[in-house]
């Protein structure tokens, strides 16, 4: 797990990369406060936060999470595959 991983044009909030030999997807997570989960997911894509995962081949989960003052939250997960 990496916090604030420098990647692309900024810093991914959380990045999880599985150990070698483990059949699990990598995850890039962006958190937003009082914004939308869609905007978090869009930021992952626009700022190319998966750039640091060039050595990783397999599935990557892009996760956008939004939370607000009412303690409500929303989440969007998109799966991509790197060759």
PDB file of N, CA and C in Angstrom:
ATOM      1  N   UNK A   1       0.845  -1.173   0.000  1.00  0.00           N
ATOM      2  CA  UNK A   1       0.000   0.000   0.000  1.00  0.00           C
ATOM      3  C   UNK A   1       0.889   1.234   0.000  1.00  0.00           C
ATOM      4  N   UNK A   2       0.512   2.207  -0.820  1.00  0.00           N
ATOM      5  CA  UNK A   2       1.235   3.474  -0.899  1.00  0.00           C
ATOM      6  C   UNK A   2       0.244   4.603  -0.674  1.00  0.00           C
ATOM      7  N   UNK A   3       0.602   5.536   0.197  1.00  0.00           N
ATOM      8  CA  UNK A   3      -0.209   6.737   0.413  1.00  0.00           C
ATOM      9  C   UNK A   3       0.431   7.874  -0.360  1.00  0.00           C
ATOM     10  N   UNK A   4      -0.411   8.662  -1.018  1.00  0.00           N
ATOM     11  CA  UNK A   4       0.069   9.816  -1.786  1.00  0.00           C
ATOM     12  C   UNK A   4       1.195   9.425  -2.739  1.00  0.00           C
ATOM     13  N   UNK A   5       0.957   8.385  -3.544  1.00  0.00           N
ATOM     14  CA  UNK A   5       1.937   7.921  -4.514  1.00  0.00           C
ATOM     15  C   UNK A   5       2.065   8.932  -5.644  1.00  0.00           C
ATOM     16  N   UNK A   6       3.266   9.497  -5.849  1.00  0.00           N
ATOM     17  CA  UNK A   6       3.430  10.432  -6.969  1.00  0.00           C
ATOM     18  C   UNK A   6       3.300   9.653  -8.273  1.00  0.00           C
ATOM     19  N   UNK A   7       2.392  10.097  -9.117  1.00  0.00           N
ATOM     20  CA  UNK A   7       2.148   9.388 -10.358  1.00  0.00           C
ATOM     21  C   UNK A   7       1.473  10.313 -11.343  1.00  0.00           C
ATOM     22  N   UNK A   8       1.844  10.200 -12.595  1.00  0.00           N
ATOM     23  CA  UNK A   8       1.209  11.036 -13.609  1.00  0.00           C
ATOM     24  C   UNK A   8       1.416  12.506 -13.297  1.00  0.00           C
ATOM     25  N   UNK A   9       0.321  13.233 -13.153  1.00  0.00           N
ATOM     26  CA  UNK A   9       0.371  14.680 -12.922  1.00  0.00           C
ATOM     27  C   UNK A   9      -0.072  15.043 -11.512  1.00  0.00           C
ATOM     28  N   UNK A  10       0.213  14.188 -10.542  1.00  0.00           N
ATOM     29  CA  UNK A  10      -0.206  14.478  -9.179  1.00  0.00           C
ATOM     30  C   UNK A  10       0.087  13.324  -8.258  1.00  0.00           C
ATOM     31  N   UNK A  11      -0.759  13.169  -7.247  1.00  0.00           N
ATOM     32  CA  UNK A  11      -0.573  12.137  -6.237  1.00  0.00           C
ATOM     33  C   UNK A  11      -1.863  11.347  -6.063  1.00  0.00           C
ATOM     34  N   UNK A  12      -1.789  10.041  -6.257  1.00  0.00           N
ATOM     35  CA  UNK A  12      -2.943   9.181  -5.992  1.00  0.00           C
ATOM     36  C   UNK A  12      -3.079   9.045  -4.479  1.00  0.00           C
ATOM     37  N   UNK A  13      -4.276   9.205  -3.939  1.00  0.00           N
ATOM     38  CA  UNK A  13      -4.473   9.138  -2.490  1.00  0.00           C
ATOM     39  C   UNK A  13      -3.992   7.803  -1.920  1.00  0.00           C
ATOM     40  N   UNK A  14      -4.461   6.710  -2.484  1.00  0.00           N
ATOM     41  CA  UNK A  14      -4.049   5.374  -2.036  1.00  0.00           C
ATOM     42  C   UNK A  14      -3.839   4.483  -3.250  1.00  0.00           C
ATOM     43  N   UNK A  15      -2.790   3.696  -3.219  1.00  0.00           N
ATOM     44  CA  UNK A  15      -2.516   2.739  -4.289  1.00  0.00           C
ATOM     45  C   UNK A  15      -2.142   1.411  -3.654  1.00  0.00           C
ATOM     46  N   UNK A  16      -2.783   0.352  -4.103  1.00  0.00           N
ATOM     47  CA  UNK A  16      -2.490  -0.989  -3.617  1.00  0.00           C
ATOM     48  C   UNK A  16      -1.946  -1.818  -4.781  1.00  0.00           C
ATOM     49  N   UNK A  17      -0.780  -2.391  -4.602  1.00  0.00           N
ATOM     50  CA  UNK A  17      -0.167  -3.234  -5.621  1.00  0.00           C
ATOM     51  C   UNK A  17       0.040  -4.612  -4.999  1.00  0.00           C
ATOM     52  N   UNK A  18      -0.527  -5.663  -5.621  1.00  0.00           N
ATOM     53  CA  UNK A  18      -0.384  -6.995  -5.030  1.00  0.00           C
ATOM     54  C   UNK A  18       1.059  -7.510  -5.130  1.00  0.00           C
ATOM     55  N   UNK A  19       1.420  -8.388  -4.212  1.00  0.00           N
ATOM     56  CA  UNK A  19       2.731  -9.017  -4.253  1.00  0.00           C
ATOM     57  C   UNK A  19       2.828  -9.921  -5.477  1.00  0.00           C
ATOM     58  N   UNK A  20       4.037 -10.184  -5.907  1.00  0.00           N
ATOM     59  CA  UNK A  20       4.240 -11.093  -7.038  1.00  0.00           C
ATOM     60  C   UNK A  20       3.661 -12.455  -6.705  1.00  0.00           C
ATOM     61  N   UNK A  21       3.033 -13.048  -7.702  1.00  0.00           N
ATOM     62  CA  UNK A  21       2.448 -14.368  -7.522  1.00  0.00           C
ATOM     63  C   UNK A  21       1.063 -14.366  -6.912  1.00  0.00           C
ATOM     64  N   UNK A  22       0.563 -13.197  -6.538  1.00  0.00           N
ATOM     65  CA  UNK A  22      -0.779 -13.080  -5.966  1.00  0.00           C
ATOM     66  C   UNK A  22      -1.731 -12.649  -7.071  1.00  0.00           C
ATOM     67  N   UNK A  23      -2.806 -13.396  -7.238  1.00  0.00           N
ATOM     68  CA  UNK A  23      -3.755 -13.121  -8.311  1.00  0.00           C
ATOM     69  C   UNK A  23      -4.857 -12.175  -7.824  1.00  0.00           C
ATOM     70  N   UNK A  24      -4.476 -10.936  -7.552  1.00  0.00           N
ATOM     71  CA  UNK A  24      -5.416  -9.900  -7.125  1.00  0.00           C
ATOM     72  C   UNK A  24      -5.173  -8.657  -7.965  1.00  0.00           C
ATOM     73  N   UNK A  25      -6.199  -7.848  -8.176  1.00  0.00           N
ATOM     74  CA  UNK A  25      -5.997  -6.630  -8.948  1.00  0.00           C
ATOM     75  C   UNK A  25      -5.265  -5.557  -8.139  1.00  0.00           C
ATOM     76  N   UNK A  26      -4.597  -4.662  -8.836  1.00  0.00           N
ATOM     77  CA  UNK A  26      -4.063  -3.453  -8.211  1.00  0.00           C
ATOM     78  C   UNK A  26      -5.240  -2.488  -8.056  1.00  0.00           C
ATOM     79  N   UNK A  27      -5.119  -1.517  -7.139  1.00  0.00           N
ATOM     80  CA  UNK A  27      -6.180  -0.527  -6.949  1.00  0.00           C
ATOM     81  C   UNK A  27      -5.579   0.861  -6.816  1.00  0.00           C
ATOM     82  N   UNK A  28      -6.221   1.816  -7.472  1.00  0.00           N
ATOM     83  CA  UNK A  28      -5.888   3.225  -7.310  1.00  0.00           C
ATOM     84  C   UNK A  28      -7.146   3.887  -6.762  1.00  0.00           C
ATOM     85  N   UNK A  29      -7.017   4.524  -5.581  1.00  0.00           N
ATOM     86  CA  UNK A  29      -8.174   5.084  -4.898  1.00  0.00           C
ATOM     87  C   UNK A  29      -8.004   6.598  -4.755  1.00  0.00           C
ATOM     88  N   UNK A  30      -9.036   7.334  -5.135  1.00  0.00           N
ATOM     89  CA  UNK A  30      -9.059   8.788  -4.982  1.00  0.00           C
ATOM     90  C   UNK A  30     -10.245   9.150  -4.102  1.00  0.00           C
ATOM     91  N   UNK A  31      -9.998   9.948  -3.076  1.00  0.00           N
ATOM     92  CA  UNK A  31     -11.035  10.368  -2.134  1.00  0.00           C
ATOM     93  C   UNK A  31     -11.415  11.824  -2.376  1.00  0.00           C
ATOM     94  N   UNK A  32     -12.693  12.121  -2.277  1.00  0.00           N
ATOM     95  CA  UNK A  32     -13.186  13.491  -2.444  1.00  0.00           C
ATOM     96  C   UNK A  32     -14.131  13.825  -1.293  1.00  0.00           C
ATOM     97  N   UNK A  33     -14.059  15.070  -0.837  1.00  0.00           N
ATOM     98  CA  UNK A  33     -14.952  15.556   0.202  1.00  0.00           C
ATOM     99  C   UNK A  33     -15.883  16.596  -0.402  1.00  0.00           C
ATOM    100  N   UNK A  34     -17.182  16.393  -0.239  1.00  0.00           N
ATOM    101  CA  UNK A  34     -18.215  17.290  -0.771  1.00  0.00           C
ATOM    102  C   UNK A  34     -18.116  17.460  -2.287  1.00  0.00           C
ATOM    103  N   UNK A  35     -17.677  16.441  -2.972  1.00  0.00           N
ATOM    104  CA  UNK A  35     -17.690  16.406  -4.436  1.00  0.00           C
ATOM    105  C   UNK A  35     -18.301  15.070  -4.821  1.00  0.00           C
ATOM    106  N   UNK A  36     -18.195  14.698  -6.071  1.00  0.00           N
ATOM    107  CA  UNK A  36     -18.816  13.449  -6.504  1.00  0.00           C
ATOM    108  C   UNK A  36     -17.779  12.343  -6.676  1.00  0.00           C
ATOM    109  N   UNK A  37     -18.255  11.122  -6.570  1.00  0.00           N
ATOM    110  CA  UNK A  37     -17.382   9.972  -6.835  1.00  0.00           C
ATOM    111  C   UNK A  37     -16.945   9.985  -8.300  1.00  0.00           C
ATOM    112  N   UNK A  38     -17.814  10.484  -9.177  1.00  0.00           N
ATOM    113  CA  UNK A  38     -17.470  10.597 -10.596  1.00  0.00           C
ATOM    114  C   UNK A  38     -16.274  11.524 -10.795  1.00  0.00           C
ATOM    115  N   UNK A  39     -16.228  12.633 -10.036  1.00  0.00           N
ATOM    116  CA  UNK A  39     -15.100  13.564 -10.179  1.00  0.00           C
ATOM    117  C   UNK A  39     -13.804  12.934  -9.673  1.00  0.00           C
ATOM    118  N   UNK A  40     -13.896  12.086  -8.665  1.00  0.00           N
ATOM    119  CA  UNK A  40     -12.712  11.384  -8.162  1.00  0.00           C
ATOM    120  C   UNK A  40     -12.193  10.421  -9.219  1.00  0.00           C
ATOM    121  N   UNK A  41     -13.085   9.676  -9.841  1.00  0.00           N
ATOM    122  CA  UNK A  41     -12.693   8.734 -10.889  1.00  0.00           C
ATOM    123  C   UNK A  41     -12.114   9.471 -12.091  1.00  0.00           C
ATOM    124  N   UNK A  42     -12.727  10.586 -12.450  1.00  0.00           N
ATOM    125  CA  UNK A  42     -12.231  11.393 -13.567  1.00  0.00           C
ATOM    126  C   UNK A  42     -10.822  11.914 -13.284  1.00  0.00           C
ATOM    127  N   UNK A  43     -10.536  12.295 -12.050  1.00  0.00           N
ATOM    128  CA  UNK A  43      -9.204  12.781 -11.690  1.00  0.00           C
ATOM    129  C   UNK A  43      -8.152  11.687 -11.856  1.00  0.00           C
ATOM    130  N   UNK A  44      -8.497  10.458 -11.485  1.00  0.00           N
ATOM    131  CA  UNK A  44      -7.570   9.335 -11.668  1.00  0.00           C
ATOM    132  C   UNK A  44      -7.186   9.217 -13.134  1.00  0.00           C
ATOM    133  N   UNK A  45      -8.175   9.333 -14.010  1.00  0.00           N
ATOM    134  CA  UNK A  45      -7.934   9.190 -15.444  1.00  0.00           C
ATOM    135  C   UNK A  45      -7.193  10.390 -16.023  1.00  0.00           C
ATOM    136  N   UNK A  46      -7.662  11.604 -15.702  1.00  0.00           N
ATOM    137  CA  UNK A  46      -7.059  12.813 -16.272  1.00  0.00           C
ATOM    138  C   UNK A  46      -5.604  12.997 -15.847  1.00  0.00           C
ATOM    139  N   UNK A  47      -5.304  12.648 -14.617  1.00  0.00           N
ATOM    140  CA  UNK A  47      -3.948  12.843 -14.107  1.00  0.00           C
ATOM    141  C   UNK A  47      -3.087  11.583 -14.242  1.00  0.00           C
ATOM    142  N   UNK A  48      -3.620  10.580 -14.927  1.00  0.00           N
ATOM    143  CA  UNK A  48      -2.880   9.361 -15.267  1.00  0.00           C
ATOM    144  C   UNK A  48      -2.222   8.712 -14.052  1.00  0.00           C
ATOM    145  N   UNK A  49      -3.004   8.495 -13.008  1.00  0.00           N
ATOM    146  CA  UNK A  49      -2.470   7.921 -11.775  1.00  0.00           C
ATOM    147  C   UNK A  49      -2.020   6.473 -11.927  1.00  0.00           C
ATOM    148  N   UNK A  50      -2.386   5.816 -13.021  1.00  0.00           N
ATOM    149  CA  UNK A  50      -1.934   4.443 -13.235  1.00  0.00           C
ATOM    150  C   UNK A  50      -0.546   4.391 -13.872  1.00  0.00           C
ATOM    151  N   UNK A  51       0.041   5.537 -14.156  1.00  0.00           N
ATOM    152  CA  UNK A  51       1.342   5.602 -14.817  1.00  0.00           C
ATOM    153  C   UNK A  51       2.421   4.818 -14.069  1.00  0.00           C
ATOM    154  N   UNK A  52       2.440   4.861 -12.759  1.00  0.00           N
ATOM    155  CA  UNK A  52       3.449   4.160 -11.955  1.00  0.00           C
ATOM    156  C   UNK A  52       3.281   2.644 -11.989  1.00  0.00           C
ATOM    157  N   UNK A  53       2.191   2.171 -12.550  1.00  0.00           N
ATOM    158  CA  UNK A  53       1.925   0.742 -12.565  1.00  0.00           C
ATOM    159  C   UNK A  53       2.338   0.095 -13.881  1.00  0.00           C
ATOM    160  N   UNK A  54       3.304   0.677 -14.575  1.00  0.00           N
ATOM    161  CA  UNK A  54       3.715   0.160 -15.876  1.00  0.00           C
ATOM    162  C   UNK A  54       4.297  -1.243 -15.783  1.00  0.00           C
ATOM    163  N   UNK A  55       4.943  -1.592 -14.684  1.00  0.00           N
ATOM    164  CA  UNK A  55       5.519  -2.933 -14.524  1.00  0.00           C
ATOM    165  C   UNK A  55       4.447  -3.959 -14.157  1.00  0.00           C
ATOM    166  N   UNK A  56       3.267  -3.499 -13.770  1.00  0.00           N
ATOM    167  CA  UNK A  56       2.185  -4.380 -13.372  1.00  0.00           C
ATOM    168  C   UNK A  56       1.341  -4.724 -14.584  1.00  0.00           C
ATOM    169  N   UNK A  57       1.086  -5.995 -14.799  1.00  0.00           N
ATOM    170  CA  UNK A  57       0.159  -6.388 -15.859  1.00  0.00           C
ATOM    171  C   UNK A  57      -0.986  -7.146 -15.213  1.00  0.00           C
ATOM    172  N   UNK A  58      -2.146  -6.840 -15.626  1.00  0.00           N
ATOM    173  CA  UNK A  58      -3.334  -7.456 -15.050  1.00  0.00           C
ATOM    174  C   UNK A  58      -4.410  -6.422 -14.829  1.00  0.00           C
ATOM    175  N   UNK A  59      -5.374  -6.766 -14.001  1.00  0.00           N
ATOM    176  CA  UNK A  59      -6.486  -5.859 -13.741  1.00  0.00           C
ATOM    177  C   UNK A  59      -6.094  -4.768 -12.745  1.00  0.00           C
ATOM    178  N   UNK A  60      -6.640  -3.590 -13.001  1.00  0.00           N
ATOM    179  CA  UNK A  60      -6.480  -2.467 -12.081  1.00  0.00           C
ATOM    180  C   UNK A  60      -7.875  -1.921 -11.798  1.00  0.00           C
ATOM    181  N   UNK A  61      -8.177  -1.758 -10.531  1.00  0.00           N
ATOM    182  CA  UNK A  61      -9.446  -1.161 -10.137  1.00  0.00           C
ATOM    183  C   UNK A  61      -9.227   0.323  -9.877  1.00  0.00           C
ATOM    184  N   UNK A  62      -9.996   1.151 -10.565  1.00  0.00           N
ATOM    185  CA  UNK A  62      -9.988   2.594 -10.323  1.00  0.00           C
ATOM    186  C   UNK A  62     -11.172   2.866  -9.410  1.00  0.00           C
ATOM    187  N   UNK A  63     -10.911   3.434  -8.238  1.00  0.00           N
ATOM    188  CA  UNK A  63     -11.954   3.602  -7.229  1.00  0.00           C
ATOM    189  C   UNK A  63     -12.084   5.080  -6.864  1.00  0.00           C
ATOM    190  N   UNK A  64     -13.246   5.636  -7.094  1.00  0.00           N
ATOM    191  CA  UNK A  64     -13.544   7.008  -6.702  1.00  0.00           C
ATOM    192  C   UNK A  64     -14.533   6.991  -5.545  1.00  0.00           C
ATOM    193  N   UNK A  65     -14.149   7.614  -4.442  1.00  0.00           N
ATOM    194  CA  UNK A  65     -15.008   7.636  -3.255  1.00  0.00           C
ATOM    195  C   UNK A  65     -15.268   9.080  -2.850  1.00  0.00           C
ATOM    196  N   UNK A  66     -16.523   9.387  -2.598  1.00  0.00           N
ATOM    197  CA  UNK A  66     -16.925  10.720  -2.160  1.00  0.00           C
ATOM    198  C   UNK A  66     -17.636  10.597  -0.820  1.00  0.00           C
ATOM    199  N   UNK A  67     -17.355  11.551   0.067  1.00  0.00           N
ATOM    200  CA  UNK A  67     -18.060  11.589   1.346  1.00  0.00           C
ATOM    201  C   UNK A  67     -18.367  13.042   1.669  1.00  0.00           C
ATOM    202  N   UNK A  68     -19.365  13.251   2.548  1.00  0.00           N
ATOM    203  CA  UNK A  68     -19.781  14.617   2.849  1.00  0.00           C
ATOM    204  C   UNK A  68     -20.104  14.781   4.330  1.00  0.00           C
ATOM    205  N   UNK A  69     -20.521  15.987   4.694  1.00  0.00           N
ATOM    206  CA  UNK A  69     -20.799  16.335   6.088  1.00  0.00           C
ATOM    207  C   UNK A  69     -21.887  15.481   6.718  1.00  0.00           C
ATOM    208  N   UNK A  70     -22.832  15.022   5.932  1.00  0.00           N
ATOM    209  CA  UNK A  70     -23.928  14.207   6.467  1.00  0.00           C
ATOM    210  C   UNK A  70     -23.503  12.756   6.674  1.00  0.00           C
ATOM    211  N   UNK A  71     -22.220  12.499   6.507  1.00  0.00           N
ATOM    212  CA  UNK A  71     -21.637  11.158   6.639  1.00  0.00           C
ATOM    213  C   UNK A  71     -22.146  10.209   5.571  1.00  0.00           C
ATOM    214  N   UNK A  72     -22.667  10.794   4.480  1.00  0.00           N
ATOM    215  CA  UNK A  72     -23.056   9.980   3.340  1.00  0.00           C
ATOM    216  C   UNK A  72     -21.840   9.751   2.462  1.00  0.00           C
ATOM    217  N   UNK A  73     -21.858   8.681   1.731  1.00  0.00           N
ATOM    218  CA  UNK A  73     -20.751   8.427   0.827  1.00  0.00           C
ATOM    219  C   UNK A  73     -21.249   7.720  -0.425  1.00  0.00           C
ATOM    220  N   UNK A  74     -20.467   7.851  -1.487  1.00  0.00           N
ATOM    221  CA  UNK A  74     -20.748   7.123  -2.718  1.00  0.00           C
ATOM    222  C   UNK A  74     -19.431   6.627  -3.279  1.00  0.00           C
ATOM    223  N   UNK A  75     -19.505   5.586  -4.060  1.00  0.00           N
ATOM    224  CA  UNK A  75     -18.307   4.954  -4.578  1.00  0.00           C
ATOM    225  C   UNK A  75     -18.569   4.458  -5.990  1.00  0.00           C
ATOM    226  N   UNK A  76     -17.592   4.635  -6.868  1.00  0.00           N
ATOM    227  CA  UNK A  76     -17.643   4.096  -8.214  1.00  0.00           C
ATOM    228  C   UNK A  76     -16.361   3.320  -8.434  1.00  0.00           C
ATOM    229  N   UNK A  77     -16.494   2.115  -8.966  1.00  0.00           N
ATOM    230  CA  UNK A  77     -15.337   1.275  -9.249  1.00  0.00           C
ATOM    231  C   UNK A  77     -15.351   0.934 -10.726  1.00  0.00           C
ATOM    232  N   UNK A  78     -14.230   1.148 -11.380  1.00  0.00           N
ATOM    233  CA  UNK A  78     -14.082   0.819 -12.787  1.00  0.00           C
ATOM    234  C   UNK A  78     -12.882  -0.101 -12.939  1.00  0.00           C
ATOM    235  N   UNK A  79     -13.032  -1.130 -13.731  1.00  0.00           N
ATOM    236  CA  UNK A  79     -11.962  -2.101 -13.933  1.00  0.00           C
ATOM    237  C   UNK A  79     -11.306  -1.871 -15.294  1.00  0.00           C
ATOM    238  N   UNK A  80      -9.976  -1.808 -15.306  1.00  0.00           N
ATOM    239  CA  UNK A  80      -9.236  -1.733 -16.559  1.00  0.00           C
ATOM    240  C   UNK A  80      -8.207  -2.873 -16.550  1.00  0.00           C
ATOM    241  N   UNK A  81      -7.713  -3.230 -17.723  1.00  0.00           N
ATOM    242  CA  UNK A  81      -6.700  -4.268 -17.822  1.00  0.00           C
ATOM    243  C   UNK A  81      -5.476  -3.718 -18.517  1.00  0.00           C
ATOM    244  N   UNK A  82      -4.317  -3.910 -17.890  1.00  0.00           N
ATOM    245  CA  UNK A  82      -3.042  -3.502 -18.493  1.00  0.00           C
ATOM    246  C   UNK A  82      -2.395  -4.742 -19.083  1.00  0.00           C
ATOM    247  N   UNK A  83      -1.883  -4.603 -20.274  1.00  0.00           N
ATOM    248  CA  UNK A  83      -1.225  -5.744 -20.934  1.00  0.00           C
ATOM    249  C   UNK A  83       0.235  -5.828 -20.565  1.00  0.00           C
TER     250      UNK A  83
END
